[in-house]
């Protein structure tokens, strides 16, 4: 999944990413592509069925100007 939620800056870490029940964020998989894009690997748990969601809470990171980040999600 590739998505952007503003320009997260150095404060953005994998602990800022929430995944729904049945999904797991692969530790250490968060990689910066450019100033506004990151990638991370999310896997479904064995036996999972349904739709998973990956999200960021509002204010969970700051951008380079120290503005609080926006919320966002993807399914």
PDB file of N, CA and C in Angstrom:
ATOM      1  N   UNK A   1       0.836  -1.162   0.000  1.00  0.00           N
ATOM      2  CA  UNK A   1       0.000   0.000   0.000  1.00  0.00           C
ATOM      3  C   UNK A   1       0.887   1.232   0.000  1.00  0.00           C
ATOM      4  N   UNK A   2       0.606   2.162  -0.839  1.00  0.00           N
ATOM      5  CA  UNK A   2       1.300   3.444  -0.833  1.00  0.00           C
ATOM      6  C   UNK A   2       0.242   4.517  -0.664  1.00  0.00           C
ATOM      7  N   UNK A   3       0.448   5.380   0.309  1.00  0.00           N
ATOM      8  CA  UNK A   3      -0.495   6.460   0.527  1.00  0.00           C
ATOM      9  C   UNK A   3       0.248   7.638   1.113  1.00  0.00           C
ATOM     10  N   UNK A   4      -0.312   8.818   1.039  1.00  0.00           N
ATOM     11  CA  UNK A   4       0.331   9.982   1.641  1.00  0.00           C
ATOM     12  C   UNK A   4      -0.674  10.725   2.492  1.00  0.00           C
ATOM     13  N   UNK A   5      -0.201  11.237   3.606  1.00  0.00           N
ATOM     14  CA  UNK A   5      -1.008  12.037   4.515  1.00  0.00           C
ATOM     15  C   UNK A   5      -0.211  13.272   4.869  1.00  0.00           C
ATOM     16  N   UNK A   6       0.063  14.139   3.928  1.00  0.00           N
ATOM     17  CA  UNK A   6       0.902  15.303   4.178  1.00  0.00           C
ATOM     18  C   UNK A   6       2.361  14.920   4.082  1.00  0.00           C
ATOM     19  N   UNK A   7       3.215  15.666   4.728  1.00  0.00           N
ATOM     20  CA  UNK A   7       4.646  15.403   4.738  1.00  0.00           C
ATOM     21  C   UNK A   7       5.062  15.053   6.154  1.00  0.00           C
ATOM     22  N   UNK A   8       5.069  13.771   6.514  1.00  0.00           N
ATOM     23  CA  UNK A   8       5.237  13.367   7.898  1.00  0.00           C
ATOM     24  C   UNK A   8       6.544  13.756   8.571  1.00  0.00           C
ATOM     25  N   UNK A   9       7.627  13.848   7.843  1.00  0.00           N
ATOM     26  CA  UNK A   9       8.893  14.189   8.480  1.00  0.00           C
ATOM     27  C   UNK A   9       9.421  13.068   9.359  1.00  0.00           C
ATOM     28  N   UNK A  10      10.443  13.392  10.135  1.00  0.00           N
ATOM     29  CA  UNK A  10      11.159  12.384  10.923  1.00  0.00           C
ATOM     30  C   UNK A  10      10.333  11.794  12.054  1.00  0.00           C
ATOM     31  N   UNK A  11       9.263  12.451  12.474  1.00  0.00           N
ATOM     32  CA  UNK A  11       8.489  11.933  13.598  1.00  0.00           C
ATOM     33  C   UNK A  11       7.592  10.763  13.211  1.00  0.00           C
ATOM     34  N   UNK A  12       7.452  10.469  11.943  1.00  0.00           N
ATOM     35  CA  UNK A  12       6.569   9.397  11.480  1.00  0.00           C
ATOM     36  C   UNK A  12       7.256   8.049  11.628  1.00  0.00           C
ATOM     37  N   UNK A  13       6.665   7.148  12.407  1.00  0.00           N
ATOM     38  CA  UNK A  13       7.220   5.810  12.608  1.00  0.00           C
ATOM     39  C   UNK A  13       6.122   4.769  12.445  1.00  0.00           C
ATOM     40  N   UNK A  14       6.508   3.502  12.426  1.00  0.00           N
ATOM     41  CA  UNK A  14       5.502   2.452  12.279  1.00  0.00           C
ATOM     42  C   UNK A  14       4.527   2.419  13.455  1.00  0.00           C
ATOM     43  N   UNK A  15       4.889   2.970  14.600  1.00  0.00           N
ATOM     44  CA  UNK A  15       3.954   3.004  15.730  1.00  0.00           C
ATOM     45  C   UNK A  15       2.796   3.980  15.492  1.00  0.00           C
ATOM     46  N   UNK A  16       2.897   4.849  14.487  1.00  0.00           N
ATOM     47  CA  UNK A  16       1.815   5.765  14.125  1.00  0.00           C
ATOM     48  C   UNK A  16       0.738   5.081  13.285  1.00  0.00           C
ATOM     49  N   UNK A  17       1.015   3.905  12.778  1.00  0.00           N
ATOM     50  CA  UNK A  17       0.104   3.198  11.878  1.00  0.00           C
ATOM     51  C   UNK A  17      -0.748   2.218  12.677  1.00  0.00           C
ATOM     52  N   UNK A  18      -2.062   2.293  12.508  1.00  0.00           N
ATOM     53  CA  UNK A  18      -2.966   1.337  13.130  1.00  0.00           C
ATOM     54  C   UNK A  18      -3.554   0.429  12.057  1.00  0.00           C
ATOM     55  N   UNK A  19      -3.663  -0.848  12.376  1.00  0.00           N
ATOM     56  CA  UNK A  19      -4.292  -1.803  11.465  1.00  0.00           C
ATOM     57  C   UNK A  19      -5.472  -2.434  12.179  1.00  0.00           C
ATOM     58  N   UNK A  20      -6.483  -2.810  11.410  1.00  0.00           N
ATOM     59  CA  UNK A  20      -7.676  -3.409  11.998  1.00  0.00           C
ATOM     60  C   UNK A  20      -7.395  -4.843  12.438  1.00  0.00           C
ATOM     61  N   UNK A  21      -8.309  -5.364  13.243  1.00  0.00           N
ATOM     62  CA  UNK A  21      -8.195  -6.745  13.718  1.00  0.00           C
ATOM     63  C   UNK A  21      -8.049  -7.684  12.533  1.00  0.00           C
ATOM     64  N   UNK A  22      -7.172  -8.644  12.664  1.00  0.00           N
ATOM     65  CA  UNK A  22      -6.936  -9.600  11.593  1.00  0.00           C
ATOM     66  C   UNK A  22      -5.779  -9.234  10.695  1.00  0.00           C
ATOM     67  N   UNK A  23      -5.191  -8.066  10.904  1.00  0.00           N
ATOM     68  CA  UNK A  23      -4.043  -7.623  10.115  1.00  0.00           C
ATOM     69  C   UNK A  23      -2.844  -7.396  11.031  1.00  0.00           C
ATOM     70  N   UNK A  24      -1.659  -7.498  10.466  1.00  0.00           N
ATOM     71  CA  UNK A  24      -0.424  -7.247  11.198  1.00  0.00           C
ATOM     72  C   UNK A  24       0.483  -6.365  10.356  1.00  0.00           C
ATOM     73  N   UNK A  25       0.990  -5.306  10.963  1.00  0.00           N
ATOM     74  CA  UNK A  25       1.995  -4.472  10.320  1.00  0.00           C
ATOM     75  C   UNK A  25       3.339  -5.155  10.512  1.00  0.00           C
ATOM     76  N   UNK A  26       4.041  -5.441   9.429  1.00  0.00           N
ATOM     77  CA  UNK A  26       5.338  -6.106   9.514  1.00  0.00           C
ATOM     78  C   UNK A  26       6.346  -5.133  10.118  1.00  0.00           C
ATOM     79  N   UNK A  27       6.912  -5.515  11.257  1.00  0.00           N
ATOM     80  CA  UNK A  27       7.863  -4.664  11.974  1.00  0.00           C
ATOM     81  C   UNK A  27       9.045  -4.308  11.077  1.00  0.00           C
ATOM     82  N   UNK A  28       9.411  -3.044  11.081  1.00  0.00           N
ATOM     83  CA  UNK A  28      10.555  -2.582  10.307  1.00  0.00           C
ATOM     84  C   UNK A  28      10.305  -2.412   8.825  1.00  0.00           C
ATOM     85  N   UNK A  29       9.046  -2.558   8.385  1.00  0.00           N
ATOM     86  CA  UNK A  29       8.766  -2.478   6.944  1.00  0.00           C
ATOM     87  C   UNK A  29       8.485  -1.062   6.454  1.00  0.00           C
ATOM     88  N   UNK A  30       8.318  -0.097   7.366  1.00  0.00           N
ATOM     89  CA  UNK A  30       8.035   1.279   6.957  1.00  0.00           C
ATOM     90  C   UNK A  30       9.270   1.877   6.286  1.00  0.00           C
ATOM     91  N   UNK A  31       9.083   2.327   5.050  1.00  0.00           N
ATOM     92  CA  UNK A  31      10.180   2.873   4.260  1.00  0.00           C
ATOM     93  C   UNK A  31       9.747   4.181   3.615  1.00  0.00           C
ATOM     94  N   UNK A  32      10.587   5.201   3.716  1.00  0.00           N
ATOM     95  CA  UNK A  32      10.291   6.484   3.078  1.00  0.00           C
ATOM     96  C   UNK A  32      10.625   6.404   1.596  1.00  0.00           C
ATOM     97  N   UNK A  33       9.649   6.736   0.740  1.00  0.00           N
ATOM     98  CA  UNK A  33       9.846   6.775  -0.709  1.00  0.00           C
ATOM     99  C   UNK A  33      10.331   8.163  -1.110  1.00  0.00           C
ATOM    100  N   UNK A  34       9.645   9.192  -0.635  1.00  0.00           N
ATOM    101  CA  UNK A  34      10.039  10.585  -0.822  1.00  0.00           C
ATOM    102  C   UNK A  34       9.417  11.376   0.321  1.00  0.00           C
ATOM    103  N   UNK A  35       9.474  12.689   0.275  1.00  0.00           N
ATOM    104  CA  UNK A  35       9.041  13.520   1.399  1.00  0.00           C
ATOM    105  C   UNK A  35       7.578  13.325   1.799  1.00  0.00           C
ATOM    106  N   UNK A  36       6.731  12.874   0.886  1.00  0.00           N
ATOM    107  CA  UNK A  36       5.307  12.727   1.209  1.00  0.00           C
ATOM    108  C   UNK A  36       4.773  11.312   1.030  1.00  0.00           C
ATOM    109  N   UNK A  37       5.630  10.348   0.740  1.00  0.00           N
ATOM    110  CA  UNK A  37       5.164   8.978   0.507  1.00  0.00           C
ATOM    111  C   UNK A  37       6.021   7.965   1.264  1.00  0.00           C
ATOM    112  N   UNK A  38       5.328   7.052   1.896  1.00  0.00           N
ATOM    113  CA  UNK A  38       5.974   5.946   2.599  1.00  0.00           C
ATOM    114  C   UNK A  38       5.316   4.657   2.151  1.00  0.00           C
ATOM    115  N   UNK A  39       6.007   3.550   2.298  1.00  0.00           N
ATOM    116  CA  UNK A  39       5.398   2.244   2.093  1.00  0.00           C
ATOM    117  C   UNK A  39       5.589   1.430   3.374  1.00  0.00           C
ATOM    118  N   UNK A  40       4.688   0.501   3.589  1.00  0.00           N
ATOM    119  CA  UNK A  40       4.779  -0.423   4.707  1.00  0.00           C
ATOM    120  C   UNK A  40       4.092  -1.708   4.275  1.00  0.00           C
ATOM    121  N   UNK A  41       4.488  -2.807   4.865  1.00  0.00           N
ATOM    122  CA  UNK A  41       3.891  -4.097   4.538  1.00  0.00           C
ATOM    123  C   UNK A  41       2.919  -4.499   5.642  1.00  0.00           C
ATOM    124  N   UNK A  42       1.700  -4.821   5.227  1.00  0.00           N
ATOM    125  CA  UNK A  42       0.661  -5.298   6.136  1.00  0.00           C
ATOM    126  C   UNK A  42       0.235  -6.675   5.643  1.00  0.00           C
ATOM    127  N   UNK A  43       0.172  -7.638   6.552  1.00  0.00           N
ATOM    128  CA  UNK A  43      -0.248  -8.989   6.175  1.00  0.00           C
ATOM    129  C   UNK A  43      -1.516  -9.364   6.920  1.00  0.00           C
ATOM    130  N   UNK A  44      -2.304 -10.228   6.285  1.00  0.00           N
ATOM    131  CA  UNK A  44      -3.508 -10.753   6.932  1.00  0.00           C
ATOM    132  C   UNK A  44      -3.118 -11.951   7.789  1.00  0.00           C
ATOM    133  N   UNK A  45      -3.709 -12.034   8.976  1.00  0.00           N
ATOM    134  CA  UNK A  45      -3.476 -13.173   9.853  1.00  0.00           C
ATOM    135  C   UNK A  45      -4.090 -14.424   9.229  1.00  0.00           C
ATOM    136  N   UNK A  46      -3.561 -15.604   9.584  1.00  0.00           N
ATOM    137  CA  UNK A  46      -4.119 -16.859   9.088  1.00  0.00           C
ATOM    138  C   UNK A  46      -5.615 -16.924   9.401  1.00  0.00           C
ATOM    139  N   UNK A  47      -6.403 -17.281   8.407  1.00  0.00           N
ATOM    140  CA  UNK A  47      -7.834 -17.443   8.579  1.00  0.00           C
ATOM    141  C   UNK A  47      -8.632 -16.146   8.511  1.00  0.00           C
ATOM    142  N   UNK A  48      -7.967 -15.021   8.289  1.00  0.00           N
ATOM    143  CA  UNK A  48      -8.683 -13.744   8.229  1.00  0.00           C
ATOM    144  C   UNK A  48      -9.564 -13.684   6.998  1.00  0.00           C
ATOM    145  N   UNK A  49     -10.793 -13.236   7.184  1.00  0.00           N
ATOM    146  CA  UNK A  49     -11.688 -12.946   6.063  1.00  0.00           C
ATOM    147  C   UNK A  49     -12.300 -11.577   6.314  1.00  0.00           C
ATOM    148  N   UNK A  50     -12.577 -10.859   5.283  1.00  0.00           N
ATOM    149  CA  UNK A  50     -13.189  -9.551   5.435  1.00  0.00           C
ATOM    150  C   UNK A  50     -12.327  -8.454   4.844  1.00  0.00           C
ATOM    151  N   UNK A  51     -12.650  -7.245   5.223  1.00  0.00           N
ATOM    152  CA  UNK A  51     -11.934  -6.072   4.734  1.00  0.00           C
ATOM    153  C   UNK A  51     -11.075  -5.510   5.853  1.00  0.00           C
ATOM    154  N   UNK A  52      -9.820  -5.301   5.567  1.00  0.00           N
ATOM    155  CA  UNK A  52      -8.917  -4.721   6.543  1.00  0.00           C
ATOM    156  C   UNK A  52      -8.759  -3.231   6.308  1.00  0.00           C
ATOM    157  N   UNK A  53      -8.399  -2.527   7.357  1.00  0.00           N
ATOM    158  CA  UNK A  53      -8.186  -1.084   7.272  1.00  0.00           C
ATOM    159  C   UNK A  53      -6.854  -0.718   7.913  1.00  0.00           C
ATOM    160  N   UNK A  54      -6.132   0.167   7.246  1.00  0.00           N
ATOM    161  CA  UNK A  54      -4.892   0.731   7.766  1.00  0.00           C
ATOM    162  C   UNK A  54      -5.139   2.223   7.921  1.00  0.00           C
ATOM    163  N   UNK A  55      -4.807   2.781   9.092  1.00  0.00           N
ATOM    164  CA  UNK A  55      -5.120   4.187   9.323  1.00  0.00           C
ATOM    165  C   UNK A  55      -4.069   4.895  10.169  1.00  0.00           C
ATOM    166  N   UNK A  56      -4.151   6.221  10.105  1.00  0.00           N
ATOM    167  CA  UNK A  56      -3.345   7.109  10.943  1.00  0.00           C
ATOM    168  C   UNK A  56      -4.308   8.008  11.694  1.00  0.00           C
ATOM    169  N   UNK A  57      -4.068   8.198  12.982  1.00  0.00           N
ATOM    170  CA  UNK A  57      -4.902   9.098  13.781  1.00  0.00           C
ATOM    171  C   UNK A  57      -4.448  10.536  13.565  1.00  0.00           C
ATOM    172  N   UNK A  58      -5.377  11.465  13.622  1.00  0.00           N
ATOM    173  CA  UNK A  58      -5.028  12.882  13.540  1.00  0.00           C
ATOM    174  C   UNK A  58      -4.072  13.222  14.675  1.00  0.00           C
ATOM    175  N   UNK A  59      -3.029  13.961  14.349  1.00  0.00           N
ATOM    176  CA  UNK A  59      -2.053  14.362  15.359  1.00  0.00           C
ATOM    177  C   UNK A  59      -1.065  13.298  15.763  1.00  0.00           C
ATOM    178  N   UNK A  60      -1.046  12.159  15.067  1.00  0.00           N
ATOM    179  CA  UNK A  60      -0.137  11.074  15.446  1.00  0.00           C
ATOM    180  C   UNK A  60       1.298  11.307  14.983  1.00  0.00           C
ATOM    181  N   UNK A  61       1.522  12.345  14.181  1.00  0.00           N
ATOM    182  CA  UNK A  61       2.859  12.710  13.713  1.00  0.00           C
ATOM    183  C   UNK A  61       2.876  14.207  13.438  1.00  0.00           C
ATOM    184  N   UNK A  62       4.056  14.764  13.263  1.00  0.00           N
ATOM    185  CA  UNK A  62       4.191  16.161  12.861  1.00  0.00           C
ATOM    186  C   UNK A  62       4.979  16.235  11.567  1.00  0.00           C
ATOM    187  N   UNK A  63       4.711  17.264  10.768  1.00  0.00           N
ATOM    188  CA  UNK A  63       5.482  17.457   9.545  1.00  0.00           C
ATOM    189  C   UNK A  63       6.751  18.249   9.861  1.00  0.00           C
ATOM    190  N   UNK A  64       7.519  18.565   8.845  1.00  0.00           N
ATOM    191  CA  UNK A  64       8.800  19.247   9.034  1.00  0.00           C
ATOM    192  C   UNK A  64       8.631  20.623   9.690  1.00  0.00           C
ATOM    193  N   UNK A  65       7.468  21.245   9.532  1.00  0.00           N
ATOM    194  CA  UNK A  65       7.197  22.546  10.140  1.00  0.00           C
ATOM    195  C   UNK A  65       6.526  22.406  11.512  1.00  0.00           C
ATOM    196  N   UNK A  66       6.472  21.175  12.030  1.00  0.00           N
ATOM    197  CA  UNK A  66       5.874  20.838  13.327  1.00  0.00           C
ATOM    198  C   UNK A  66       4.361  21.010  13.372  1.00  0.00           C
ATOM    199  N   UNK A  67       3.706  20.985  12.210  1.00  0.00           N
ATOM    200  CA  UNK A  67       2.240  20.972  12.163  1.00  0.00           C
ATOM    201  C   UNK A  67       1.764  19.557  12.447  1.00  0.00           C
ATOM    202  N   UNK A  68       0.686  19.435  13.205  1.00  0.00           N
ATOM    203  CA  UNK A  68       0.130  18.108  13.470  1.00  0.00           C
ATOM    204  C   UNK A  68      -0.399  17.484  12.187  1.00  0.00           C
ATOM    205  N   UNK A  69      -0.156  16.188  12.034  1.00  0.00           N
ATOM    206  CA  UNK A  69      -0.596  15.470  10.844  1.00  0.00           C
ATOM    207  C   UNK A  69      -2.092  15.236  10.824  1.00  0.00           C
ATOM    208  N   UNK A  70      -2.621  14.989   9.643  1.00  0.00           N
ATOM    209  CA  UNK A  70      -4.034  14.719   9.443  1.00  0.00           C
ATOM    210  C   UNK A  70      -4.314  13.240   9.586  1.00  0.00           C
ATOM    211  N   UNK A  71      -5.572  12.909   9.843  1.00  0.00           N
ATOM    212  CA  UNK A  71      -6.001  11.518   9.875  1.00  0.00           C
ATOM    213  C   UNK A  71      -6.163  11.008   8.445  1.00  0.00           C
ATOM    214  N   UNK A  72      -6.046   9.709   8.272  1.00  0.00           N
ATOM    215  CA  UNK A  72      -6.274   9.104   6.970  1.00  0.00           C
ATOM    216  C   UNK A  72      -6.411   7.612   7.124  1.00  0.00           C
ATOM    217  N   UNK A  73      -7.044   6.979   6.131  1.00  0.00           N
ATOM    218  CA  UNK A  73      -7.179   5.525   6.160  1.00  0.00           C
ATOM    219  C   UNK A  73      -7.324   4.991   4.744  1.00  0.00           C
ATOM    220  N   UNK A  74      -7.082   3.694   4.633  1.00  0.00           N
ATOM    221  CA  UNK A  74      -7.225   2.992   3.368  1.00  0.00           C
ATOM    222  C   UNK A  74      -7.699   1.578   3.675  1.00  0.00           C
ATOM    223  N   UNK A  75      -8.539   1.019   2.805  1.00  0.00           N
ATOM    224  CA  UNK A  75      -9.017  -0.348   3.011  1.00  0.00           C
ATOM    225  C   UNK A  75      -8.535  -1.237   1.912  1.00  0.00           C
TER     226      UNK A  75
END
